[in-house]
Amino acid sequence: MAPSHSAGVLNPRLLTIISGIAIMLGALLIGKNVAITIGKKLVPPDILKQNLYTLCYYVNSSIYIALAIFFKVPIATTHMVTLTVVSIGIHTGELNSQKFFDILKWWLFTPTLAFVGGFLFEKYIYFRLVDFSARYDIEKVRNVFKFFVVASGTYFAFSAGANNLANSMGVISVRFDNSYYDFILTIGSLSFGFGAVLLSPRILRAVGEKIFKLGILRASVLQVMEGTIILFASILGIPVSINETITSGIIGISCAREGFRKTLTKRYILTIFFFWFIIPWIALGSGLFFCWFLDLIFD
C-alpha cells in the first residue's frame, strides 16, 4: 500500500486495514503452495519438525524482521526466513541445493523485472497516458484513478498474502497432515493481517515518502504490475520478496525521473540496499550459529 500512501489517497491506518483483509484472503486461497515449498521442499520435513530447529528458525528470522521494523526498511523477509531454513539444511547436510538455486534465480528475476518495468513505464508510457487523460474532465479522471490505486493496492496485498504467509507458517505446517492446512493458514492469515494493521504504517510511510512521490497513475500501474509478478510466483510455489519487488519498481521510476545518480545515492536507498544484499547472508551465518549453539546445549 506504499504507492497508495505516496499518492495521498487514504490515510496509512485505513490502507493497512484494507491490506490486512486482502492479505488474509490471499493467504487462505493461495498461500498453501509457498508454505509447502518452505516447509517440505528445501529441507526434509522430519528435520524441521524437531523442536530445536523450529526454535532456531523463529529466533533467527524474528531478529532481522524486528531490525527492519525498527529502521523502517522494507526488508526482504522472505530472504531472511528462507536462508534460515537453508542454514538448517546446511547444518544437517540435508539441503535440497537444486531447489534453493531455483529460488535464487527468482530472487534475482523478480526485483529486476520490477525495476525495469517501473523504469520503462516512467520513461516511455507515463506522460502519454497523462496526455490521453487530459482530454477528459480532470476531476472525473482523478476519482477513477483514486479508486484504481486502492483497488490495485488491494490486489497487490492479496498477492503478498499468497506468498509471504509461508514465512511464518511453512515450518509449522510440517507438523500436521494435509487436513489441518486450512486451520493453520487461517491462524497465520489472522496474525499476518493483525501485524499489517499494527506495525506496517511505519514502513508504509517511509517507502511512500522517502524514495519518490508516485502520484495516483504511477501507483496504480506499479501495484498491478508487481502484484501480477508476485501472484505468478505464488502459484508456482516460489517464495519471493514482496517488499523487494514493490520497492524495486519505485526505485525504477525514480531512476527514470530523477536519474540513477540522484536516486541511488539517497541515504535511505543505501540503507535499503544494505538490508537487501548484506543482511540476508549475515542471517544465513547467524542461522548456522544458532543451529550449532542449540545443538551444543541440548546435546
C-alpha atoms as a PDB file:
ATOM      1  CA  MET A   1       0.000   0.000   0.000  1.00  0.00           C
ATOM      2  CA  ALA A   2       3.038   2.325  -0.017  1.00  0.00           C
ATOM      3  CA  PRO A   3       2.231   3.621  -3.536  1.00  0.00           C
ATOM      4  CA  SER A   4      -1.337   4.443  -2.438  1.00  0.00           C
ATOM      5  CA  HIS A   5       0.021   6.367   0.549  1.00  0.00           C
ATOM      6  CA  SER A   6       2.581   8.103  -1.650  1.00  0.00           C
ATOM      7  CA  ALA A   7      -0.259   9.177  -3.921  1.00  0.00           C
ATOM      8  CA  GLY A   8      -2.106  10.646  -0.907  1.00  0.00           C
ATOM      9  CA  VAL A   9      -5.328   8.711  -1.489  1.00  0.00           C
ATOM     10  CA  LEU A  10      -6.127   7.431   2.025  1.00  0.00           C
ATOM     11  CA  ASN A  11      -4.517   7.630   5.463  1.00  0.00           C
ATOM     12  CA  PRO A  12      -1.973   4.930   6.443  1.00  0.00           C
ATOM     13  CA  ARG A  13      -4.186   3.284   9.086  1.00  0.00           C
ATOM     14  CA  LEU A  14      -7.098   2.733   6.708  1.00  0.00           C
ATOM     15  CA  LEU A  15      -4.761   1.486   3.989  1.00  0.00           C
ATOM     16  CA  THR A  16      -3.227  -1.083   6.338  1.00  0.00           C
ATOM     17  CA  ILE A  17      -6.672  -2.311   7.419  1.00  0.00           C
ATOM     18  CA  ILE A  18      -7.661  -2.845   3.785  1.00  0.00           C
ATOM     19  CA  SER A  19      -4.355  -4.552   3.029  1.00  0.00           C
ATOM     20  CA  GLY A  20      -4.676  -6.729   6.137  1.00  0.00           C
ATOM     21  CA  ILE A  21      -8.010  -8.110   4.916  1.00  0.00           C
ATOM     22  CA  ALA A  22      -6.620  -8.686   1.399  1.00  0.00           C
ATOM     23  CA  ILE A  23      -3.550 -10.404   2.835  1.00  0.00           C
ATOM     24  CA  MET A  24      -5.754 -12.799   4.789  1.00  0.00           C
ATOM     25  CA  LEU A  25      -7.725 -13.730   1.668  1.00  0.00           C
ATOM     26  CA  GLY A  26      -4.574 -14.284  -0.402  1.00  0.00           C
ATOM     27  CA  ALA A  27      -3.097 -16.447   2.342  1.00  0.00           C
ATOM     28  CA  LEU A  28      -6.215 -18.602   2.655  1.00  0.00           C
ATOM     29  CA  LEU A  29      -6.818 -19.073  -1.068  1.00  0.00           C
ATOM     30  CA  ILE A  30      -3.303 -19.480  -2.490  1.00  0.00           C
ATOM     31  CA  GLY A  31      -0.819 -19.427   0.426  1.00  0.00           C
ATOM     32  CA  LYS A  32      -0.549 -23.208   0.666  1.00  0.00           C
ATOM     33  CA  ASN A  33       1.756 -23.502  -2.372  1.00  0.00           C
ATOM     34  CA  VAL A  34       4.621 -21.452  -0.955  1.00  0.00           C
ATOM     35  CA  ALA A  35       4.133 -22.850   2.561  1.00  0.00           C
ATOM     36  CA  ILE A  36       4.763 -26.334   1.149  1.00  0.00           C
ATOM     37  CA  THR A  37       7.976 -25.117  -0.516  1.00  0.00           C
ATOM     38  CA  ILE A  38       9.299 -23.589   2.721  1.00  0.00           C
ATOM     39  CA  GLY A  39       8.220 -26.494   4.909  1.00  0.00           C
ATOM     40  CA  LYS A  40       8.887 -29.522   2.722  1.00  0.00           C
ATOM     41  CA  LYS A  41      10.952 -28.870  -0.411  1.00  0.00           C
ATOM     42  CA  LEU A  42      14.128 -27.184   0.868  1.00  0.00           C
ATOM     43  CA  VAL A  43      14.815 -29.413   3.869  1.00  0.00           C
ATOM     44  CA  PRO A  44      13.135 -32.760   4.715  1.00  0.00           C
ATOM     45  CA  PRO A  45      10.074 -32.192   6.967  1.00  0.00           C
ATOM     46  CA  ASP A  46      11.454 -34.633   9.554  1.00  0.00           C
ATOM     47  CA  ILE A  47      14.323 -32.196  10.173  1.00  0.00           C
ATOM     48  CA  LEU A  48      12.128 -29.114  10.530  1.00  0.00           C
ATOM     49  CA  LYS A  49       9.747 -30.954  12.865  1.00  0.00           C
ATOM     50  CA  GLN A  50      12.447 -31.099  15.516  1.00  0.00           C
ATOM     51  CA  ASN A  51      11.852 -28.505  18.227  1.00  0.00           C
ATOM     52  CA  LEU A  52      15.481 -27.411  18.185  1.00  0.00           C
ATOM     53  CA  TYR A  53      15.378 -26.381  14.524  1.00  0.00           C
ATOM     54  CA  THR A  54      11.905 -24.856  14.776  1.00  0.00           C
ATOM     55  CA  LEU A  55      13.250 -22.665  17.597  1.00  0.00           C
ATOM     56  CA  CYS A  56      16.281 -21.736  15.502  1.00  0.00           C
ATOM     57  CA  TYR A  57      14.009 -20.798  12.595  1.00  0.00           C
ATOM     58  CA  TYR A  58      11.828 -18.401  14.554  1.00  0.00           C
ATOM     59  CA  VAL A  59      14.532 -16.838  16.707  1.00  0.00           C
ATOM     60  CA  ASN A  60      16.884 -16.147  13.823  1.00  0.00           C
ATOM     61  CA  SER A  61      14.189 -14.840  11.445  1.00  0.00           C
ATOM     62  CA  SER A  62      12.499 -12.643  14.055  1.00  0.00           C
ATOM     63  CA  ILE A  63      15.711 -10.809  14.924  1.00  0.00           C
ATOM     64  CA  TYR A  64      16.113  -9.406  11.414  1.00  0.00           C
ATOM     65  CA  ILE A  65      12.447  -8.670  10.856  1.00  0.00           C
ATOM     66  CA  ALA A  66      12.440  -6.679  14.129  1.00  0.00           C
ATOM     67  CA  LEU A  67      15.514  -4.753  12.949  1.00  0.00           C
ATOM     68  CA  ALA A  68      13.777  -3.887   9.680  1.00  0.00           C
ATOM     69  CA  ILE A  69      10.715  -2.564  11.516  1.00  0.00           C
ATOM     70  CA  PHE A  70      12.948  -0.508  13.819  1.00  0.00           C
ATOM     71  CA  PHE A  71      14.885   1.052  10.913  1.00  0.00           C
ATOM     72  CA  LYS A  72      11.666   1.411   8.830  1.00  0.00           C
ATOM     73  CA  VAL A  73      13.226  -0.511   5.946  1.00  0.00           C
ATOM     74  CA  PRO A  74      11.249  -2.728   3.535  1.00  0.00           C
ATOM     75  CA  ILE A  75      13.424  -5.748   4.239  1.00  0.00           C
ATOM     76  CA  ALA A  76      13.196  -8.909   2.136  1.00  0.00           C
ATOM     77  CA  THR A  77      11.671 -11.023   4.914  1.00  0.00           C
ATOM     78  CA  THR A  78      11.366 -13.947   2.507  1.00  0.00           C
ATOM     79  CA  HIS A  79      15.137 -13.946   2.169  1.00  0.00           C
ATOM     80  CA  MET A  80      15.592 -13.972   5.929  1.00  0.00           C
ATOM     81  CA  VAL A  81      13.339 -16.931   6.593  1.00  0.00           C
ATOM     82  CA  THR A  82      14.328 -18.933   3.522  1.00  0.00           C
ATOM     83  CA  LEU A  83      18.022 -18.556   4.287  1.00  0.00           C
ATOM     84  CA  THR A  84      17.343 -19.620   7.876  1.00  0.00           C
ATOM     85  CA  VAL A  85      15.820 -22.833   6.506  1.00  0.00           C
ATOM     86  CA  VAL A  86      18.861 -23.133   4.225  1.00  0.00           C
ATOM     87  CA  SER A  87      21.174 -22.764   7.238  1.00  0.00           C
ATOM     88  CA  ILE A  88      19.326 -25.652   8.927  1.00  0.00           C
ATOM     89  CA  GLY A  89      19.751 -27.709   5.756  1.00  0.00           C
ATOM     90  CA  ILE A  90      23.473 -26.929   5.563  1.00  0.00           C
ATOM     91  CA  HIS A  91      23.952 -27.720   9.255  1.00  0.00           C
ATOM     92  CA  THR A  92      22.221 -31.088   8.947  1.00  0.00           C
ATOM     93  CA  GLY A  93      23.585 -31.890   5.486  1.00  0.00           C
ATOM     94  CA  GLU A  94      20.020 -32.232   4.155  1.00  0.00           C
ATOM     95  CA  LEU A  95      19.642 -29.139   1.957  1.00  0.00           C
ATOM     96  CA  ASN A  96      17.926 -29.541  -1.421  1.00  0.00           C
ATOM     97  CA  SER A  97      20.518 -27.456  -3.289  1.00  0.00           C
ATOM     98  CA  GLN A  98      18.725 -27.585  -6.639  1.00  0.00           C
ATOM     99  CA  LYS A  99      15.527 -26.168  -5.166  1.00  0.00           C
ATOM    100  CA  PHE A 100      17.498 -23.438  -3.392  1.00  0.00           C
ATOM    101  CA  PHE A 101      19.234 -22.375  -6.619  1.00  0.00           C
ATOM    102  CA  ASP A 102      15.871 -22.313  -8.404  1.00  0.00           C
ATOM    103  CA  ILE A 103      14.616 -19.909  -5.710  1.00  0.00           C
ATOM    104  CA  LEU A 104      17.761 -17.768  -6.014  1.00  0.00           C
ATOM    105  CA  LYS A 105      17.053 -17.284  -9.718  1.00  0.00           C
ATOM    106  CA  TRP A 106      13.627 -15.904  -8.853  1.00  0.00           C
ATOM    107  CA  TRP A 107      15.183 -13.632  -6.213  1.00  0.00           C
ATOM    108  CA  LEU A 108      17.227 -12.044  -8.996  1.00  0.00           C
ATOM    109  CA  PHE A 109      14.447 -12.108 -11.590  1.00  0.00           C
ATOM    110  CA  THR A 110      11.566 -10.518  -9.660  1.00  0.00           C
ATOM    111  CA  PRO A 111      13.221  -7.263  -8.478  1.00  0.00           C
ATOM    112  CA  THR A 112      15.000  -6.869 -11.831  1.00  0.00           C
ATOM    113  CA  LEU A 113      11.724  -7.235 -13.731  1.00  0.00           C
ATOM    114  CA  ALA A 114      10.029  -4.813 -11.309  1.00  0.00           C
ATOM    115  CA  PHE A 115      12.832  -2.246 -11.694  1.00  0.00           C
ATOM    116  CA  VAL A 116      12.863  -2.479 -15.500  1.00  0.00           C
ATOM    117  CA  GLY A 117       9.063  -2.326 -15.623  1.00  0.00           C
ATOM    118  CA  GLY A 118       8.960   0.788 -13.441  1.00  0.00           C
ATOM    119  CA  PHE A 119      11.778   2.441 -15.401  1.00  0.00           C
ATOM    120  CA  LEU A 120      10.239   1.769 -18.835  1.00  0.00           C
ATOM    121  CA  PHE A 121       6.783   2.852 -17.715  1.00  0.00           C
ATOM    122  CA  GLU A 122       8.076   6.182 -16.436  1.00  0.00           C
ATOM    123  CA  LYS A 123      10.344   6.736 -19.413  1.00  0.00           C
ATOM    124  CA  TYR A 124       8.030   5.868 -22.284  1.00  0.00           C
ATOM    125  CA  ILE A 125       4.401   5.407 -21.164  1.00  0.00           C
ATOM    126  CA  TYR A 126       3.527   7.655 -18.202  1.00  0.00           C
ATOM    127  CA  PHE A 127       3.361  11.013 -19.999  1.00  0.00           C
ATOM    128  CA  ARG A 128       1.468   9.513 -22.950  1.00  0.00           C
ATOM    129  CA  LEU A 129      -1.202   8.330 -20.511  1.00  0.00           C
ATOM    130  CA  VAL A 130      -1.263  11.746 -18.871  1.00  0.00           C
ATOM    131  CA  ASP A 131      -1.785  13.427 -22.255  1.00  0.00           C
ATOM    132  CA  PHE A 132      -4.565  10.973 -23.095  1.00  0.00           C
ATOM    133  CA  SER A 133      -6.388  11.501 -19.783  1.00  0.00           C
ATOM    134  CA  ALA A 134      -6.164  15.291 -20.230  1.00  0.00           C
ATOM    135  CA  ARG A 135      -8.866  15.013 -22.891  1.00  0.00           C
ATOM    136  CA  TYR A 136     -11.435  14.253 -20.197  1.00  0.00           C
ATOM    137  CA  ASP A 137     -12.793  16.040 -17.126  1.00  0.00           C
ATOM    138  CA  ILE A 138      -9.878  16.193 -14.679  1.00  0.00           C
ATOM    139  CA  GLU A 139     -11.981  15.594 -11.570  1.00  0.00           C
ATOM    140  CA  LYS A 140     -13.665  12.511 -13.026  1.00  0.00           C
ATOM    141  CA  VAL A 141     -10.324  11.121 -14.170  1.00  0.00           C
ATOM    142  CA  ARG A 142      -8.822  11.713 -10.729  1.00  0.00           C
ATOM    143  CA  ASN A 143     -11.711   9.924  -8.990  1.00  0.00           C
ATOM    144  CA  VAL A 144     -11.304   6.931 -11.306  1.00  0.00           C
ATOM    145  CA  PHE A 145      -7.584   6.814 -10.562  1.00  0.00           C
ATOM    146  CA  LYS A 146      -8.198   7.119  -6.813  1.00  0.00           C
ATOM    147  CA  PHE A 147     -10.419   4.062  -6.920  1.00  0.00           C
ATOM    148  CA  PHE A 148      -7.972   2.181  -9.142  1.00  0.00           C
ATOM    149  CA  VAL A 149      -4.936   2.876  -6.945  1.00  0.00           C
ATOM    150  CA  VAL A 150      -6.651   1.429  -3.861  1.00  0.00           C
ATOM    151  CA  ALA A 151      -8.040  -1.498  -5.870  1.00  0.00           C
ATOM    152  CA  SER A 152      -4.615  -2.257  -7.341  1.00  0.00           C
ATOM    153  CA  GLY A 153      -3.025  -1.960  -3.884  1.00  0.00           C
ATOM    154  CA  THR A 154      -5.574  -4.411  -2.542  1.00  0.00           C
ATOM    155  CA  TYR A 155      -4.723  -6.772  -5.410  1.00  0.00           C
ATOM    156  CA  PHE A 156      -1.048  -6.469  -4.548  1.00  0.00           C
ATOM    157  CA  ALA A 157      -1.762  -7.138  -0.853  1.00  0.00           C
ATOM    158  CA  PHE A 158      -3.714 -10.250  -1.891  1.00  0.00           C
ATOM    159  CA  SER A 159      -0.606 -11.404  -3.797  1.00  0.00           C
ATOM    160  CA  ALA A 160       1.529 -10.655  -0.744  1.00  0.00           C
ATOM    161  CA  GLY A 161      -0.633 -12.847   1.455  1.00  0.00           C
ATOM    162  CA  ALA A 162      -0.448 -15.632  -1.106  1.00  0.00           C
ATOM    163  CA  ASN A 163       3.351 -15.614  -0.882  1.00  0.00           C
ATOM    164  CA  ASN A 164       4.624 -14.262   2.403  1.00  0.00           C
ATOM    165  CA  LEU A 165       2.378 -16.314   4.658  1.00  0.00           C
ATOM    166  CA  ALA A 166       4.898 -19.127   4.146  1.00  0.00           C
ATOM    167  CA  ASN A 167       7.441 -17.044   6.063  1.00  0.00           C
ATOM    168  CA  SER A 168       5.627 -17.758   9.293  1.00  0.00           C
ATOM    169  CA  MET A 169       3.569 -20.883   8.679  1.00  0.00           C
ATOM    170  CA  GLY A 170       5.735 -23.022   6.388  1.00  0.00           C
ATOM    171  CA  VAL A 171       7.681 -24.658   9.214  1.00  0.00           C
ATOM    172  CA  ILE A 172       4.625 -25.105  11.449  1.00  0.00           C
ATOM    173  CA  SER A 173       2.708 -26.791   8.624  1.00  0.00           C
ATOM    174  CA  VAL A 174       5.105 -29.756   8.524  1.00  0.00           C
ATOM    175  CA  ARG A 175       3.956 -30.840  11.980  1.00  0.00           C
ATOM    176  CA  PHE A 176       0.425 -31.577  10.738  1.00  0.00           C
ATOM    177  CA  ASP A 177      -1.092 -33.616   7.945  1.00  0.00           C
ATOM    178  CA  ASN A 178      -2.843 -32.001   4.975  1.00  0.00           C
ATOM    179  CA  SER A 179      -6.250 -31.980   6.671  1.00  0.00           C
ATOM    180  CA  TYR A 180      -5.044 -29.237   9.049  1.00  0.00           C
ATOM    181  CA  TYR A 181      -3.717 -26.889   6.366  1.00  0.00           C
ATOM    182  CA  ASP A 182      -6.807 -24.682   6.221  1.00  0.00           C
ATOM    183  CA  PHE A 183      -6.764 -24.237  10.003  1.00  0.00           C
ATOM    184  CA  ILE A 184      -3.036 -23.398  10.009  1.00  0.00           C
ATOM    185  CA  LEU A 185      -3.454 -20.923   7.150  1.00  0.00           C
ATOM    186  CA  THR A 186      -6.388 -19.283   8.941  1.00  0.00           C
ATOM    187  CA  ILE A 187      -4.354 -18.721  12.122  1.00  0.00           C
ATOM    188  CA  GLY A 188      -1.418 -17.466  10.079  1.00  0.00           C
ATOM    189  CA  SER A 189      -3.518 -15.125   7.964  1.00  0.00           C
ATOM    190  CA  LEU A 190      -5.164 -13.603  11.056  1.00  0.00           C
ATOM    191  CA  SER A 191      -1.725 -12.958  12.555  1.00  0.00           C
ATOM    192  CA  PHE A 192      -0.495 -11.598   9.247  1.00  0.00           C
ATOM    193  CA  GLY A 193      -3.413  -9.178   8.962  1.00  0.00           C
ATOM    194  CA  PHE A 194      -3.043  -8.068  12.585  1.00  0.00           C
ATOM    195  CA  GLY A 195       0.674  -7.399  12.086  1.00  0.00           C
ATOM    196  CA  ALA A 196      -0.073  -5.360   8.967  1.00  0.00           C
ATOM    197  CA  VAL A 197      -2.532  -3.146  10.841  1.00  0.00           C
ATOM    198  CA  LEU A 198      -0.382  -2.782  13.961  1.00  0.00           C
ATOM    199  CA  LEU A 199       3.176  -2.357  12.684  1.00  0.00           C
ATOM    200  CA  SER A 200       3.301  -1.676   8.947  1.00  0.00           C
ATOM    201  CA  PRO A 201       2.307   2.046   8.912  1.00  0.00           C
ATOM    202  CA  ARG A 202       5.916   2.966   9.881  1.00  0.00           C
ATOM    203  CA  ILE A 203       7.340   1.218   6.834  1.00  0.00           C
ATOM    204  CA  LEU A 204       4.430   2.319   4.635  1.00  0.00           C
ATOM    205  CA  ARG A 205       5.186   5.981   5.361  1.00  0.00           C
ATOM    206  CA  ALA A 206       8.925   5.509   4.805  1.00  0.00           C
ATOM    207  CA  VAL A 207       8.624   3.726   1.453  1.00  0.00           C
ATOM    208  CA  GLY A 208       5.824   6.002   0.276  1.00  0.00           C
ATOM    209  CA  GLU A 209       7.639   9.234   1.141  1.00  0.00           C
ATOM    210  CA  LYS A 210      11.432   8.771   1.166  1.00  0.00           C
ATOM    211  CA  ILE A 211      12.096   7.273  -2.274  1.00  0.00           C
ATOM    212  CA  PHE A 212       9.813   9.032  -4.721  1.00  0.00           C
ATOM    213  CA  LYS A 213       6.366  10.640  -4.674  1.00  0.00           C
ATOM    214  CA  LEU A 214       4.480   8.471  -7.134  1.00  0.00           C
ATOM    215  CA  GLY A 215       1.142  10.087  -7.843  1.00  0.00           C
ATOM    216  CA  ILE A 216      -2.043   8.127  -8.483  1.00  0.00           C
ATOM    217  CA  LEU A 217      -1.340   6.878 -12.023  1.00  0.00           C
ATOM    218  CA  ARG A 218       2.161   5.614 -11.265  1.00  0.00           C
ATOM    219  CA  ALA A 219       0.991   3.957  -8.058  1.00  0.00           C
ATOM    220  CA  SER A 220      -1.853   2.140  -9.799  1.00  0.00           C
ATOM    221  CA  VAL A 221       0.235   0.734 -12.639  1.00  0.00           C
ATOM    222  CA  LEU A 222       3.077  -0.218 -10.313  1.00  0.00           C
ATOM    223  CA  GLN A 223       0.835  -2.169  -7.953  1.00  0.00           C
ATOM    224  CA  VAL A 224      -0.853  -4.127 -10.748  1.00  0.00           C
ATOM    225  CA  MET A 225       2.497  -4.950 -12.336  1.00  0.00           C
ATOM    226  CA  GLU A 226       4.186  -6.036  -9.096  1.00  0.00           C
ATOM    227  CA  GLY A 227       1.106  -7.880  -7.841  1.00  0.00           C
ATOM    228  CA  THR A 228       0.988  -9.950 -11.021  1.00  0.00           C
ATOM    229  CA  ILE A 229       4.666 -10.898 -10.668  1.00  0.00           C
ATOM    230  CA  ILE A 230       4.151 -11.999  -7.066  1.00  0.00           C
ATOM    231  CA  LEU A 231       0.906 -13.839  -7.779  1.00  0.00           C
ATOM    232  CA  PHE A 232       2.544 -15.819 -10.581  1.00  0.00           C
ATOM    233  CA  ALA A 233       5.427 -16.801  -8.285  1.00  0.00           C
ATOM    234  CA  SER A 234       2.933 -17.782  -5.567  1.00  0.00           C
ATOM    235  CA  ILE A 235       1.010 -20.097  -7.881  1.00  0.00           C
ATOM    236  CA  LEU A 236       4.313 -21.804  -8.729  1.00  0.00           C
ATOM    237  CA  GLY A 237       5.125 -22.094  -5.012  1.00  0.00           C
ATOM    238  CA  ILE A 238       8.209 -19.842  -5.160  1.00  0.00           C
ATOM    239  CA  PRO A 239       8.904 -17.694  -2.062  1.00  0.00           C
ATOM    240  CA  VAL A 240       9.874 -14.215  -3.304  1.00  0.00           C
ATOM    241  CA  SER A 241      10.228 -10.871  -1.575  1.00  0.00           C
ATOM    242  CA  ILE A 242       7.128  -8.681  -1.650  1.00  0.00           C
ATOM    243  CA  ASN A 243       8.957  -5.673  -0.237  1.00  0.00           C
ATOM    244  CA  GLU A 244      11.897  -6.005  -2.599  1.00  0.00           C
ATOM    245  CA  THR A 245       9.636  -6.261  -5.637  1.00  0.00           C
ATOM    246  CA  ILE A 246       7.462  -3.210  -4.944  1.00  0.00           C
ATOM    247  CA  THR A 247      10.407  -1.102  -3.782  1.00  0.00           C
ATOM    248  CA  SER A 248      12.429  -2.029  -6.885  1.00  0.00           C
ATOM    249  CA  GLY A 249       9.576  -0.735  -9.037  1.00  0.00           C
ATOM    250  CA  ILE A 250       9.540   2.562  -7.141  1.00  0.00           C
ATOM    251  CA  ILE A 251      13.326   2.844  -7.496  1.00  0.00           C
ATOM    252  CA  GLY A 252      12.995   2.189 -11.248  1.00  0.00           C
ATOM    253  CA  ILE A 253      10.502   5.044 -11.593  1.00  0.00           C
ATOM    254  CA  SER A 254      12.745   7.335  -9.556  1.00  0.00           C
ATOM    255  CA  CYS A 255      15.791   6.490 -11.707  1.00  0.00           C
ATOM    256  CA  ALA A 256      13.847   7.285 -14.883  1.00  0.00           C
ATOM    257  CA  ARG A 257      12.516  10.536 -13.439  1.00  0.00           C
ATOM    258  CA  GLU A 258      15.404  11.860 -11.337  1.00  0.00           C
ATOM    259  CA  GLY A 259      18.374   9.963 -12.752  1.00  0.00           C
ATOM    260  CA  PHE A 260      20.378   6.996 -11.485  1.00  0.00           C
ATOM    261  CA  ARG A 261      22.937   9.031  -9.580  1.00  0.00           C
ATOM    262  CA  LYS A 262      20.467  11.135  -7.601  1.00  0.00           C
ATOM    263  CA  THR A 263      18.290   8.136  -6.769  1.00  0.00           C
ATOM    264  CA  LEU A 264      20.962   5.598  -5.881  1.00  0.00           C
ATOM    265  CA  THR A 265      22.913   7.968  -3.643  1.00  0.00           C
ATOM    266  CA  LYS A 266      19.968   8.738  -1.368  1.00  0.00           C
ATOM    267  CA  ARG A 267      20.784   7.673   2.176  1.00  0.00           C
ATOM    268  CA  TYR A 268      17.542   5.737   2.572  1.00  0.00           C
ATOM    269  CA  ILE A 269      18.209   3.801  -0.666  1.00  0.00           C
ATOM    270  CA  LEU A 270      21.677   2.868   0.574  1.00  0.00           C
ATOM    271  CA  THR A 271      20.141   1.618   3.834  1.00  0.00           C
ATOM    272  CA  ILE A 272      17.686  -0.494   1.837  1.00  0.00           C
ATOM    273  CA  PHE A 273      20.496  -1.979  -0.256  1.00  0.00           C
ATOM    274  CA  PHE A 274      22.397  -2.900   2.901  1.00  0.00           C
ATOM    275  CA  PHE A 275      19.372  -4.782   4.231  1.00  0.00           C
ATOM    276  CA  TRP A 276      18.823  -6.433   0.848  1.00  0.00           C
ATOM    277  CA  PHE A 277      22.316  -7.520  -0.135  1.00  0.00           C
ATOM    278  CA  ILE A 278      24.282  -7.850   3.127  1.00  0.00           C
ATOM    279  CA  ILE A 279      21.859  -8.711   5.934  1.00  0.00           C
ATOM    280  CA  PRO A 280      20.440 -11.904   4.321  1.00  0.00           C
ATOM    281  CA  TRP A 281      23.859 -13.532   4.251  1.00  0.00           C
ATOM    282  CA  ILE A 282      24.509 -12.425   7.817  1.00  0.00           C
ATOM    283  CA  ALA A 283      21.195 -14.124   8.621  1.00  0.00           C
ATOM    284  CA  LEU A 284      22.462 -17.294   6.964  1.00  0.00           C
ATOM    285  CA  GLY A 285      25.599 -17.173   9.118  1.00  0.00           C
ATOM    286  CA  SER A 286      23.707 -16.485  12.333  1.00  0.00           C
ATOM    287  CA  GLY A 287      21.293 -19.300  11.463  1.00  0.00           C
ATOM    288  CA  LEU A 288      24.238 -21.681  11.269  1.00  0.00           C
ATOM    289  CA  PHE A 289      25.488 -20.342  14.596  1.00  0.00           C
ATOM    290  CA  PHE A 290      22.107 -20.863  16.297  1.00  0.00           C
ATOM    291  CA  CYS A 291      21.903 -24.417  14.930  1.00  0.00           C
ATOM    292  CA  TRP A 292      25.366 -25.195  16.284  1.00  0.00           C
ATOM    293  CA  PHE A 293      24.745 -23.450  19.607  1.00  0.00           C
ATOM    294  CA  LEU A 294      21.380 -25.099  20.260  1.00  0.00           C
ATOM    295  CA  ASP A 295      22.775 -28.487  19.245  1.00  0.00           C
ATOM    296  CA  LEU A 296      25.579 -27.965  21.728  1.00  0.00           C
ATOM    297  CA  ILE A 297      23.254 -27.000  24.577  1.00  0.00           C
ATOM    298  CA  PHE A 298      20.627 -29.691  24.083  1.00  0.00           C
ATOM    299  CA  ASP A 299      23.147 -32.448  23.403  1.00  0.00           C
END
